[in-house]
Full PDB file with SEQRES, HELIX, SHEET, SSBOND, CRYST1, ORIGX, SCALE, CONECT and MASTER records, all heavy atoms in Angstrom:
SEQRES   1 A   41  ALA ILE ALA GLU VAL THR ARG ALA ALA ARG THR ASP ALA          
SEQRES   2 A   41  SER LEU GLU THR HIS VAL GLU ALA LEU THR ASP VAL ARG          
SEQRES   3 A   41  ILE ARG LEU THR ASP THR ALA THR GLU LEU SER ALA TYR          
SEQRES   4 A   41  VAL ALA                                                      
HELIX    1 AA1 ILE A    2  ALA A    9  1                                   8    
HELIX    2 AA2 ALA A   13  LEU A   15  5                                   3    
HELIX    3 AA3 GLU A   16  VAL A   40  1                                  25    
CRYST1    1.000    1.000    1.000  90.00  90.00  90.00 P 1           1          
ORIGX1      1.000000  0.000000  0.000000        0.00000                         
ORIGX2      0.000000  1.000000  0.000000        0.00000                         
ORIGX3      0.000000  0.000000  1.000000        0.00000                         
SCALE1      1.000000  0.000000  0.000000        0.00000                         
SCALE2      0.000000  1.000000  0.000000        0.00000                         
SCALE3      0.000000  0.000000  1.000000        0.00000                         
ATOM      1  N   ALA A   1     -76.142  63.588 132.159  1.00  0.00           N  
ATOM      2  CA  ALA A   1     -74.778  63.242 131.726  1.00  0.00           C  
ATOM      3  C   ALA A   1     -73.767  64.201 132.377  1.00  0.00           C  
ATOM      4  O   ALA A   1     -72.675  63.802 132.799  1.00  0.00           O  
ATOM      5  CB  ALA A   1     -74.678  63.330 130.219  1.00  0.00           C  
ATOM      6  N   ILE A   2     -74.123  65.458 132.480  1.00  0.00           N  
ATOM      7  CA  ILE A   2     -73.224  66.453 133.095  1.00  0.00           C  
ATOM      8  C   ILE A   2     -72.973  66.109 134.557  1.00  0.00           C  
ATOM      9  O   ILE A   2     -71.855  66.163 135.069  1.00  0.00           O  
ATOM     10  CB  ILE A   2     -73.802  67.880 132.964  1.00  0.00           C  
ATOM     11  CG1 ILE A   2     -73.759  68.305 131.487  1.00  0.00           C  
ATOM     12  CG2 ILE A   2     -73.041  68.866 133.833  1.00  0.00           C  
ATOM     13  CD1 ILE A   2     -74.478  69.628 131.248  1.00  0.00           C  
ATOM     14  N   ALA A   3     -74.076  65.724 135.233  1.00  0.00           N  
ATOM     15  CA  ALA A   3     -73.962  65.409 136.656  1.00  0.00           C  
ATOM     16  C   ALA A   3     -73.068  64.189 136.886  1.00  0.00           C  
ATOM     17  O   ALA A   3     -72.200  64.191 137.774  1.00  0.00           O  
ATOM     18  CB  ALA A   3     -75.367  65.151 137.238  1.00  0.00           C  
ATOM     19  N   GLU A   4     -73.215  63.179 136.050  1.00  0.00           N  
ATOM     20  CA  GLU A   4     -72.432  61.959 136.222  1.00  0.00           C  
ATOM     21  C   GLU A   4     -70.965  62.220 135.881  1.00  0.00           C  
ATOM     22  O   GLU A   4     -70.056  61.774 136.592  1.00  0.00           O  
ATOM     23  CB  GLU A   4     -72.987  60.842 135.326  1.00  0.00           C  
ATOM     24  CG  GLU A   4     -74.352  60.340 135.760  1.00  0.00           C  
ATOM     25  CD  GLU A   4     -74.346  59.737 137.160  1.00  0.00           C  
ATOM     26  OE1 GLU A   4     -73.311  59.139 137.570  1.00  0.00           O  
ATOM     27  OE2 GLU A   4     -75.339  59.908 137.876  1.00  0.00           O  
ATOM     28  N   VAL A   5     -70.678  62.936 134.835  1.00  0.00           N  
ATOM     29  CA  VAL A   5     -69.271  63.187 134.438  1.00  0.00           C  
ATOM     30  C   VAL A   5     -68.616  64.128 135.442  1.00  0.00           C  
ATOM     31  O   VAL A   5     -67.423  63.977 135.773  1.00  0.00           O  
ATOM     32  CB  VAL A   5     -69.205  63.743 133.007  1.00  0.00           C  
ATOM     33  CG1 VAL A   5     -67.775  64.115 132.655  1.00  0.00           C  
ATOM     34  CG2 VAL A   5     -69.752  62.724 132.014  1.00  0.00           C  
ATOM     35  N   THR A   6     -69.407  65.055 135.980  1.00  0.00           N  
ATOM     36  CA  THR A   6     -68.856  66.003 136.953  1.00  0.00           C  
ATOM     37  C   THR A   6     -68.416  65.229 138.210  1.00  0.00           C  
ATOM     38  O   THR A   6     -67.341  65.486 138.801  1.00  0.00           O  
ATOM     39  CB  THR A   6     -69.881  67.084 137.343  1.00  0.00           C  
ATOM     40  OG1 THR A   6     -70.195  67.811 136.155  1.00  0.00           O  
ATOM     41  CG2 THR A   6     -69.326  68.018 138.395  1.00  0.00           C  
ATOM     42  N   ARG A   7     -69.291  64.273 138.607  1.00  0.00           N  
ATOM     43  CA  ARG A   7     -68.956  63.488 139.780  1.00  0.00           C  
ATOM     44  C   ARG A   7     -67.693  62.675 139.531  1.00  0.00           C  
ATOM     45  O   ARG A   7     -66.802  62.585 140.355  1.00  0.00           O  
ATOM     46  CB  ARG A   7     -70.135  62.543 140.123  1.00  0.00           C  
ATOM     47  CG  ARG A   7     -69.930  61.698 141.397  1.00  0.00           C  
ATOM     48  CD  ARG A   7     -71.179  60.944 141.750  1.00  0.00           C  
ATOM     49  NE  ARG A   7     -71.608  60.015 140.723  1.00  0.00           N  
ATOM     50  CZ  ARG A   7     -71.000  58.819 140.481  1.00  0.00           C  
ATOM     51  NH1 ARG A   7     -70.024  58.418 141.229  1.00  0.00           N  
ATOM     52  NH2 ARG A   7     -71.446  58.040 139.497  1.00  0.00           N  
ATOM     53  N   ALA A   8     -67.591  62.098 138.348  1.00  0.00           N  
ATOM     54  CA  ALA A   8     -66.392  61.283 138.050  1.00  0.00           C  
ATOM     55  C   ALA A   8     -65.148  62.123 137.947  1.00  0.00           C  
ATOM     56  O   ALA A   8     -64.028  61.697 138.254  1.00  0.00           O  
ATOM     57  CB  ALA A   8     -66.634  60.530 136.722  1.00  0.00           C  
ATOM     58  N   ALA A   9     -65.309  63.382 137.503  1.00  0.00           N  
ATOM     59  CA  ALA A   9     -64.161  64.284 137.333  1.00  0.00           C  
ATOM     60  C   ALA A   9     -63.516  64.664 138.659  1.00  0.00           C  
ATOM     61  O   ALA A   9     -62.373  65.095 138.711  1.00  0.00           O  
ATOM     62  CB  ALA A   9     -64.566  65.527 136.565  1.00  0.00           C  
ATOM     63  N   ARG A  10     -64.290  64.460 139.775  1.00  0.00           N  
ATOM     64  CA  ARG A  10     -63.719  64.799 141.033  1.00  0.00           C  
ATOM     65  C   ARG A  10     -62.608  63.809 141.369  1.00  0.00           C  
ATOM     66  O   ARG A  10     -61.671  64.113 142.116  1.00  0.00           O  
ATOM     67  CB  ARG A  10     -64.795  64.711 142.134  1.00  0.00           C  
ATOM     68  CG  ARG A  10     -65.876  65.776 141.990  1.00  0.00           C  
ATOM     69  CD  ARG A  10     -66.759  65.805 143.254  1.00  0.00           C  
ATOM     70  NE  ARG A  10     -67.928  66.654 143.031  1.00  0.00           N  
ATOM     71  CZ  ARG A  10     -69.163  66.233 142.834  1.00  0.00           C  
ATOM     72  NH1 ARG A  10     -69.394  64.900 142.827  1.00  0.00           N  
ATOM     73  NH2 ARG A  10     -70.152  67.065 142.629  1.00  0.00           N  
ATOM     74  N   THR A  11     -62.732  62.619 140.768  1.00  0.00           N  
ATOM     75  CA  THR A  11     -61.688  61.608 140.973  1.00  0.00           C  
ATOM     76  C   THR A  11     -60.631  61.690 139.859  1.00  0.00           C  
ATOM     77  O   THR A  11     -59.435  61.587 140.132  1.00  0.00           O  
ATOM     78  CB  THR A  11     -62.324  60.203 140.985  1.00  0.00           C  
ATOM     79  OG1 THR A  11     -63.299  60.133 142.008  1.00  0.00           O  
ATOM     80  CG2 THR A  11     -61.250  59.123 141.202  1.00  0.00           C  
ATOM     81  N   ASP A  12     -61.118  61.899 138.627  1.00  0.00           N  
ATOM     82  CA  ASP A  12     -60.180  61.941 137.477  1.00  0.00           C  
ATOM     83  C   ASP A  12     -60.328  63.294 136.780  1.00  0.00           C  
ATOM     84  O   ASP A  12     -61.308  63.561 136.060  1.00  0.00           O  
ATOM     85  CB  ASP A  12     -60.504  60.817 136.492  1.00  0.00           C  
ATOM     86  CG  ASP A  12     -59.493  60.728 135.355  1.00  0.00           C  
ATOM     87  OD1 ASP A  12     -58.603  61.636 135.281  1.00  0.00           O  
ATOM     88  OD2 ASP A  12     -59.625  59.807 134.525  1.00  0.00           O  
ATOM     89  N   ALA A  13     -59.380  64.190 137.033  1.00  0.00           N  
ATOM     90  CA  ALA A  13     -59.452  65.565 136.518  1.00  0.00           C  
ATOM     91  C   ALA A  13     -59.479  65.621 134.997  1.00  0.00           C  
ATOM     92  O   ALA A  13     -59.901  66.617 134.388  1.00  0.00           O  
ATOM     93  CB  ALA A  13     -58.281  66.371 137.074  1.00  0.00           C  
ATOM     94  N   SER A  14     -59.010  64.565 134.339  1.00  0.00           N  
ATOM     95  CA  SER A  14     -58.973  64.588 132.861  1.00  0.00           C  
ATOM     96  C   SER A  14     -60.372  64.633 132.260  1.00  0.00           C  
ATOM     97  O   SER A  14     -60.552  64.944 131.069  1.00  0.00           O  
ATOM     98  CB  SER A  14     -58.208  63.369 132.331  1.00  0.00           C  
ATOM     99  OG  SER A  14     -58.914  62.163 132.658  1.00  0.00           O  
ATOM    100  N   LEU A  15     -61.400  64.340 133.071  1.00  0.00           N  
ATOM    101  CA  LEU A  15     -62.783  64.389 132.553  1.00  0.00           C  
ATOM    102  C   LEU A  15     -63.371  65.795 132.534  1.00  0.00           C  
ATOM    103  O   LEU A  15     -64.492  65.994 132.055  1.00  0.00           O  
ATOM    104  CB  LEU A  15     -63.647  63.463 133.433  1.00  0.00           C  
ATOM    105  CG  LEU A  15     -63.312  61.965 133.359  1.00  0.00           C  
ATOM    106  CD1 LEU A  15     -64.138  61.199 134.389  1.00  0.00           C  
ATOM    107  CD2 LEU A  15     -63.589  61.441 131.951  1.00  0.00           C  
ATOM    108  N   GLU A  16     -62.610  66.793 133.036  1.00  0.00           N  
ATOM    109  CA  GLU A  16     -63.124  68.161 133.079  1.00  0.00           C  
ATOM    110  C   GLU A  16     -63.454  68.681 131.657  1.00  0.00           C  
ATOM    111  O   GLU A  16     -64.403  69.438 131.445  1.00  0.00           O  
ATOM    112  CB  GLU A  16     -62.085  69.073 133.731  1.00  0.00           C  
ATOM    113  CG  GLU A  16     -61.967  68.912 135.237  1.00  0.00           C  
ATOM    114  CD  GLU A  16     -63.215  69.364 135.948  1.00  0.00           C  
ATOM    115  OE1 GLU A  16     -64.000  70.183 135.376  1.00  0.00           O  
ATOM    116  OE2 GLU A  16     -63.424  68.928 137.079  1.00  0.00           O  
ATOM    117  N   THR A  17     -62.653  68.279 130.687  1.00  0.00           N  
ATOM    118  CA  THR A  17     -62.909  68.764 129.313  1.00  0.00           C  
ATOM    119  C   THR A  17     -64.250  68.226 128.810  1.00  0.00           C  
ATOM    120  O   THR A  17     -64.971  68.926 128.062  1.00  0.00           O  
ATOM    121  CB  THR A  17     -61.798  68.296 128.354  1.00  0.00           C  
ATOM    122  OG1 THR A  17     -61.681  66.863 128.413  1.00  0.00           O  
ATOM    123  CG2 THR A  17     -60.465  68.906 128.770  1.00  0.00           C  
ATOM    124  N   HIS A  18     -64.640  67.027 129.231  1.00  0.00           N  
ATOM    125  CA  HIS A  18     -65.936  66.484 128.802  1.00  0.00           C  
ATOM    126  C   HIS A  18     -67.083  67.206 129.500  1.00  0.00           C  
ATOM    127  O   HIS A  18     -68.144  67.363 128.919  1.00  0.00           O  
ATOM    128  CB  HIS A  18     -65.973  64.989 129.104  1.00  0.00           C  
ATOM    129  CG  HIS A  18     -64.929  64.212 128.336  1.00  0.00           C  
ATOM    130  ND1 HIS A  18     -64.920  64.129 126.969  1.00  0.00           N  
ATOM    131  CD2 HIS A  18     -63.840  63.488 128.776  1.00  0.00           C  
ATOM    132  CE1 HIS A  18     -63.875  63.389 126.597  1.00  0.00           C  
ATOM    133  NE2 HIS A  18     -63.200  63.007 127.679  1.00  0.00           N  
ATOM    134  N   VAL A  19     -66.799  67.641 130.756  1.00  0.00           N  
ATOM    135  CA  VAL A  19     -67.829  68.419 131.450  1.00  0.00           C  
ATOM    136  C   VAL A  19     -68.091  69.707 130.691  1.00  0.00           C  
ATOM    137  O   VAL A  19     -69.244  70.145 130.483  1.00  0.00           O  
ATOM    138  CB  VAL A  19     -67.373  68.691 132.886  1.00  0.00           C  
ATOM    139  CG1 VAL A  19     -68.391  69.644 133.591  1.00  0.00           C  
ATOM    140  CG2 VAL A  19     -67.269  67.404 133.686  1.00  0.00           C  
ATOM    141  N   GLU A  20     -67.007  70.358 130.252  1.00  0.00           N  
ATOM    142  CA  GLU A  20     -67.142  71.638 129.505  1.00  0.00           C  
ATOM    143  C   GLU A  20     -67.880  71.394 128.181  1.00  0.00           C  
ATOM    144  O   GLU A  20     -68.735  72.209 127.784  1.00  0.00           O  
ATOM    145  CB  GLU A  20     -65.762  72.201 129.232  1.00  0.00           C  
ATOM    146  CG  GLU A  20     -65.039  72.663 130.488  1.00  0.00           C  
ATOM    147  CD  GLU A  20     -63.625  73.121 130.196  1.00  0.00           C  
ATOM    148  OE1 GLU A  20     -63.240  73.094 128.980  1.00  0.00           O  
ATOM    149  OE2 GLU A  20     -62.919  73.548 131.127  1.00  0.00           O  
ATOM    150  N   ALA A  21     -67.558  70.285 127.482  1.00  0.00           N  
ATOM    151  CA  ALA A  21     -68.215  70.008 126.207  1.00  0.00           C  
ATOM    152  C   ALA A  21     -69.709  69.777 126.391  1.00  0.00           C  
ATOM    153  O   ALA A  21     -70.544  70.282 125.629  1.00  0.00           O  
ATOM    154  CB  ALA A  21     -67.566  68.796 125.526  1.00  0.00           C  
ATOM    155  N   LEU A  22     -70.062  68.977 127.440  1.00  0.00           N  
ATOM    156  CA  LEU A  22     -71.473  68.730 127.703  1.00  0.00           C  
ATOM    157  C   LEU A  22     -72.209  70.003 128.114  1.00  0.00           C  
ATOM    158  O   LEU A  22     -73.379  70.216 127.770  1.00  0.00           O  
ATOM    159  CB  LEU A  22     -71.606  67.655 128.806  1.00  0.00           C  
ATOM    160  CG  LEU A  22     -71.216  66.230 128.361  1.00  0.00           C  
ATOM    161  CD1 LEU A  22     -71.135  65.297 129.580  1.00  0.00           C  
ATOM    162  CD2 LEU A  22     -72.232  65.701 127.340  1.00  0.00           C  
ATOM    163  N   THR A  23     -71.527  70.846 128.889  1.00  0.00           N  
ATOM    164  CA  THR A  23     -72.140  72.138 129.298  1.00  0.00           C  
ATOM    165  C   THR A  23     -72.452  72.973 128.049  1.00  0.00           C  
ATOM    166  O   THR A  23     -73.508  73.612 127.945  1.00  0.00           O  
ATOM    167  CB  THR A  23     -71.187  72.896 130.214  1.00  0.00           C  
ATOM    168  OG1 THR A  23     -70.928  72.102 131.379  1.00  0.00           O  
ATOM    169  CG2 THR A  23     -71.802  74.232 130.645  1.00  0.00           C  
ATOM    170  N   ASP A  24     -71.540  72.992 127.078  1.00  0.00           N  
ATOM    171  CA  ASP A  24     -71.742  73.768 125.835  1.00  0.00           C  
ATOM    172  C   ASP A  24     -72.924  73.192 125.064  1.00  0.00           C  
ATOM    173  O   ASP A  24     -73.732  73.959 124.509  1.00  0.00           O  
ATOM    174  CB  ASP A  24     -70.468  73.681 124.976  1.00  0.00           C  
ATOM    175  CG  ASP A  24     -70.591  74.502 123.733  1.00  0.00           C  
ATOM    176  OD1 ASP A  24     -70.853  75.730 123.843  1.00  0.00           O  
ATOM    177  OD2 ASP A  24     -70.427  73.961 122.604  1.00  0.00           O  
ATOM    178  N   VAL A  25     -73.080  71.862 125.046  1.00  0.00           N  
ATOM    179  CA  VAL A  25     -74.217  71.233 124.356  1.00  0.00           C  
ATOM    180  C   VAL A  25     -75.505  71.677 124.998  1.00  0.00           C  
ATOM    181  O   VAL A  25     -76.513  71.963 124.331  1.00  0.00           O  
ATOM    182  CB  VAL A  25     -74.065  69.708 124.376  1.00  0.00           C  
ATOM    183  CG1 VAL A  25     -75.363  69.033 123.921  1.00  0.00           C  
ATOM    184  CG2 VAL A  25     -72.905  69.277 123.492  1.00  0.00           C  
ATOM    185  N   ARG A  26     -75.515  71.696 126.367  1.00  0.00           N  
ATOM    186  CA  ARG A  26     -76.736  72.121 127.083  1.00  0.00           C  
ATOM    187  C   ARG A  26     -77.135  73.527 126.690  1.00  0.00           C  
ATOM    188  O   ARG A  26     -78.321  73.835 126.474  1.00  0.00           O  
ATOM    189  CB  ARG A  26     -76.508  72.028 128.585  1.00  0.00           C  
ATOM    190  CG  ARG A  26     -77.723  72.398 129.430  1.00  0.00           C  
ATOM    191  CD  ARG A  26     -77.408  72.439 130.896  1.00  0.00           C  
ATOM    192  NE  ARG A  26     -76.364  73.419 131.182  1.00  0.00           N  
ATOM    193  CZ  ARG A  26     -75.766  73.557 132.357  1.00  0.00           C  
ATOM    194  NH1 ARG A  26     -76.042  72.721 133.343  1.00  0.00           N  
ATOM    195  NH2 ARG A  26     -74.848  74.483 132.533  1.00  0.00           N  
ATOM    196  N   ILE A  27     -76.133  74.422 126.654  1.00  0.00           N  
ATOM    197  CA  ILE A  27     -76.427  75.835 126.303  1.00  0.00           C  
ATOM    198  C   ILE A  27     -77.036  75.917 124.902  1.00  0.00           C  
ATOM    199  O   ILE A  27     -78.030  76.615 124.653  1.00  0.00           O  
ATOM    200  CB  ILE A  27     -75.150  76.691 126.402  1.00  0.00           C  
ATOM    201  CG1 ILE A  27     -74.704  76.767 127.856  1.00  0.00           C  
ATOM    202  CG2 ILE A  27     -75.399  78.062 125.816  1.00  0.00           C  
ATOM    203  CD1 ILE A  27     -73.340  77.417 128.037  1.00  0.00           C  
ATOM    204  N   ARG A  28     -76.410  75.199 123.942  1.00  0.00           N  
ATOM    205  CA  ARG A  28     -76.888  75.242 122.559  1.00  0.00           C  
ATOM    206  C   ARG A  28     -78.319  74.687 122.458  1.00  0.00           C  
ATOM    207  O   ARG A  28     -79.169  75.268 121.751  1.00  0.00           O  
ATOM    208  CB  ARG A  28     -75.964  74.438 121.646  1.00  0.00           C  
ATOM    209  CG  ARG A  28     -74.608  75.093 121.411  1.00  0.00           C  
ATOM    210  CD  ARG A  28     -73.694  74.150 120.620  1.00  0.00           C  
ATOM    211  NE  ARG A  28     -72.407  74.775 120.371  1.00  0.00           N  
ATOM    212  CZ  ARG A  28     -72.139  75.572 119.329  1.00  0.00           C  
ATOM    213  NH1 ARG A  28     -73.081  75.855 118.456  1.00  0.00           N  
ATOM    214  NH2 ARG A  28     -70.926  76.088 119.177  1.00  0.00           N  
ATOM    215  N   LEU A  29     -78.555  73.587 123.158  1.00  0.00           N  
ATOM    216  CA  LEU A  29     -79.910  73.008 123.116  1.00  0.00           C  
ATOM    217  C   LEU A  29     -80.936  73.957 123.726  1.00  0.00           C  
ATOM    218  O   LEU A  29     -82.069  74.056 123.255  1.00  0.00           O  
ATOM    219  CB  LEU A  29     -79.909  71.650 123.852  1.00  0.00           C  
ATOM    220  CG  LEU A  29     -79.188  70.503 123.154  1.00  0.00           C  
ATOM    221  CD1 LEU A  29     -79.146  69.262 124.040  1.00  0.00           C  
ATOM    222  CD2 LEU A  29     -79.866  70.191 121.817  1.00  0.00           C  
ATOM    223  N   THR A  30     -80.527  74.612 124.830  1.00  0.00           N  
ATOM    224  CA  THR A  30     -81.449  75.536 125.489  1.00  0.00           C  
ATOM    225  C   THR A  30     -81.810  76.695 124.547  1.00  0.00           C  
ATOM    226  O   THR A  30     -82.981  77.072 124.425  1.00  0.00           O  
ATOM    227  CB  THR A  30     -80.826  76.083 126.789  1.00  0.00           C  
ATOM    228  OG1 THR A  30     -80.519  74.980 127.663  1.00  0.00           O  
ATOM    229  CG2 THR A  30     -81.745  77.057 127.477  1.00  0.00           C  
ATOM    230  N   ASP A  31     -80.778  77.283 123.885  1.00  0.00           N  
ATOM    231  CA  ASP A  31     -81.011  78.405 122.952  1.00  0.00           C  
ATOM    232  C   ASP A  31     -81.926  77.972 121.806  1.00  0.00           C  
ATOM    233  O   ASP A  31     -82.851  78.688 121.427  1.00  0.00           O  
ATOM    234  CB  ASP A  31     -79.691  78.916 122.387  1.00  0.00           C  
ATOM    235  CG  ASP A  31     -78.850  79.646 123.451  1.00  0.00           C  
ATOM    236  OD1 ASP A  31     -79.457  80.008 124.488  1.00  0.00           O  
ATOM    237  OD2 ASP A  31     -77.637  79.855 123.190  1.00  0.00           O  
ATOM    238  N   THR A  32     -81.639  76.792 121.250  1.00  0.00           N  
ATOM    239  CA  THR A  32     -82.449  76.324 120.118  1.00  0.00           C  
ATOM    240  C   THR A  32     -83.893  76.085 120.568  1.00  0.00           C  
ATOM    241  O   THR A  32     -84.834  76.438 119.840  1.00  0.00           O  
ATOM    242  CB  THR A  32     -81.853  75.030 119.546  1.00  0.00           C  
ATOM    243  OG1 THR A  32     -80.508  75.268 119.112  1.00  0.00           O  
ATOM    244  CG2 THR A  32     -82.677  74.510 118.380  1.00  0.00           C  
ATOM    245  N   ALA A  33     -84.063  75.499 121.758  1.00  0.00           N  
ATOM    246  CA  ALA A  33     -85.430  75.247 122.243  1.00  0.00           C  
ATOM    247  C   ALA A  33     -86.173  76.563 122.436  1.00  0.00           C  
ATOM    248  O   ALA A  33     -87.365  76.663 122.124  1.00  0.00           O  
ATOM    249  CB  ALA A  33     -85.354  74.478 123.571  1.00  0.00           C  
ATOM    250  N   THR A  34     -85.465  77.572 122.945  1.00  0.00           N  
ATOM    251  CA  THR A  34     -86.075  78.878 123.150  1.00  0.00           C  
ATOM    252  C   THR A  34     -86.519  79.469 121.804  1.00  0.00           C  
ATOM    253  O   THR A  34     -87.622  80.037 121.688  1.00  0.00           O  
ATOM    254  CB  THR A  34     -85.084  79.846 123.844  1.00  0.00           C  
ATOM    255  OG1 THR A  34     -84.722  79.282 125.121  1.00  0.00           O  
ATOM    256  CG2 THR A  34     -85.701  81.212 124.055  1.00  0.00           C  
ATOM    257  N   GLU A  35     -85.663  79.395 120.787  1.00  0.00           N  
ATOM    258  CA  GLU A  35     -85.972  79.936 119.456  1.00  0.00           C  
ATOM    259  C   GLU A  35     -87.144  79.202 118.821  1.00  0.00           C  
ATOM    260  O   GLU A  35     -88.030  79.820 118.186  1.00  0.00           O  
ATOM    261  CB  GLU A  35     -84.741  79.867 118.551  1.00  0.00           C  
ATOM    262  CG  GLU A  35     -83.622  80.821 118.973  1.00  0.00           C  
ATOM    263  CD  GLU A  35     -82.343  80.577 118.206  1.00  0.00           C  
ATOM    264  OE1 GLU A  35     -82.322  79.629 117.376  1.00  0.00           O  
ATOM    265  OE2 GLU A  35     -81.344  81.296 118.431  1.00  0.00           O  
ATOM    266  N   LEU A  36     -87.204  77.876 118.992  1.00  0.00           N  
ATOM    267  CA  LEU A  36     -88.327  77.120 118.434  1.00  0.00           C  
ATOM    268  C   LEU A  36     -89.621  77.500 119.130  1.00  0.00           C  
ATOM    269  O   LEU A  36     -90.690  77.573 118.517  1.00  0.00           O  
ATOM    270  CB  LEU A  36     -88.048  75.611 118.583  1.00  0.00           C  
ATOM    271  CG  LEU A  36     -86.903  75.064 117.715  1.00  0.00           C  
ATOM    272  CD1 LEU A  36     -86.689  73.583 118.020  1.00  0.00           C  
ATOM    273  CD2 LEU A  36     -87.233  75.250 116.240  1.00  0.00           C  
ATOM    274  N   SER A  37     -89.541  77.736 120.463  1.00  0.00           N  
ATOM    275  CA  SER A  37     -90.728  78.161 121.225  1.00  0.00           C  
ATOM    276  C   SER A  37     -91.248  79.507 120.715  1.00  0.00           C  
ATOM    277  O   SER A  37     -92.438  79.725 120.544  1.00  0.00           O  
ATOM    278  CB  SER A  37     -90.409  78.252 122.723  1.00  0.00           C  
ATOM    279  OG  SER A  37     -91.518  78.708 123.436  1.00  0.00           O  
ATOM    280  N   ALA A  38     -90.258  80.442 120.434  1.00  0.00           N  
ATOM    281  CA  ALA A  38     -90.647  81.750 119.924  1.00  0.00           C  
ATOM    282  C   ALA A  38     -91.260  81.634 118.541  1.00  0.00           C  
ATOM    283  O   ALA A  38     -92.202  82.368 118.195  1.00  0.00           O  
ATOM    284  CB  ALA A  38     -89.393  82.648 119.881  1.00  0.00           C  
ATOM    285  N   TYR A  39     -90.725  80.750 117.699  1.00  0.00           N  
ATOM    286  CA  TYR A  39     -91.276  80.560 116.340  1.00  0.00           C  
ATOM    287  C   TYR A  39     -92.740  80.118 116.415  1.00  0.00           C  
ATOM    288  O   TYR A  39     -93.592  80.635 115.705  1.00  0.00           O  
ATOM    289  CB  TYR A  39     -90.434  79.517 115.592  1.00  0.00           C  
ATOM    290  CG  TYR A  39     -90.959  79.237 114.206  1.00  0.00           C  
ATOM    291  CD1 TYR A  39     -90.648  80.071 113.135  1.00  0.00           C  
ATOM    292  CD2 TYR A  39     -91.782  78.139 113.965  1.00  0.00           C  
ATOM    293  CE1 TYR A  39     -91.138  79.833 111.858  1.00  0.00           C  
ATOM    294  CE2 TYR A  39     -92.279  77.862 112.691  1.00  0.00           C  
ATOM    295  CZ  TYR A  39     -91.946  78.726 111.641  1.00  0.00           C  
ATOM    296  OH  TYR A  39     -92.451  78.494 110.383  1.00  0.00           O  
ATOM    297  N   VAL A  40     -93.003  79.142 117.354  1.00  0.00           N  
ATOM    298  CA  VAL A  40     -94.382  78.669 117.489  1.00  0.00           C  
ATOM    299  C   VAL A  40     -95.276  79.797 118.016  1.00  0.00           C  
ATOM    300  O   VAL A  40     -96.409  79.989 117.560  1.00  0.00           O  
ATOM    301  CB  VAL A  40     -94.446  77.457 118.456  1.00  0.00           C  
ATOM    302  CG1 VAL A  40     -95.892  77.073 118.760  1.00  0.00           C  
ATOM    303  CG2 VAL A  40     -93.707  76.276 117.853  1.00  0.00           C  
ATOM    304  N   ALA A  41     -94.739  80.600 118.977  1.00  0.00           N  
ATOM    305  CA  ALA A  41     -95.513  81.712 119.542  1.00  0.00           C  
ATOM    306  C   ALA A  41     -95.809  82.777 118.501  1.00  0.00           C  
ATOM    307  O   ALA A  41     -96.818  83.488 118.614  1.00  0.00           O  
ATOM    308  CB  ALA A  41     -94.750  82.299 120.732  1.00  0.00           C  
TER     309      ALA A  41                                                      
MASTER        0    0    0    3    0    0    0    6  308    1    0    4          
END                                                                             
């Protein structure tokens, strides 16, 4: 989703905010996945 919206934002700059929101979601999901992995370990 980040890749597709980033590509579209090159044409329409108003989509940059959605790129930032999706990037934040990725970070949160990555941190949570890491914590769950540690819990299992």
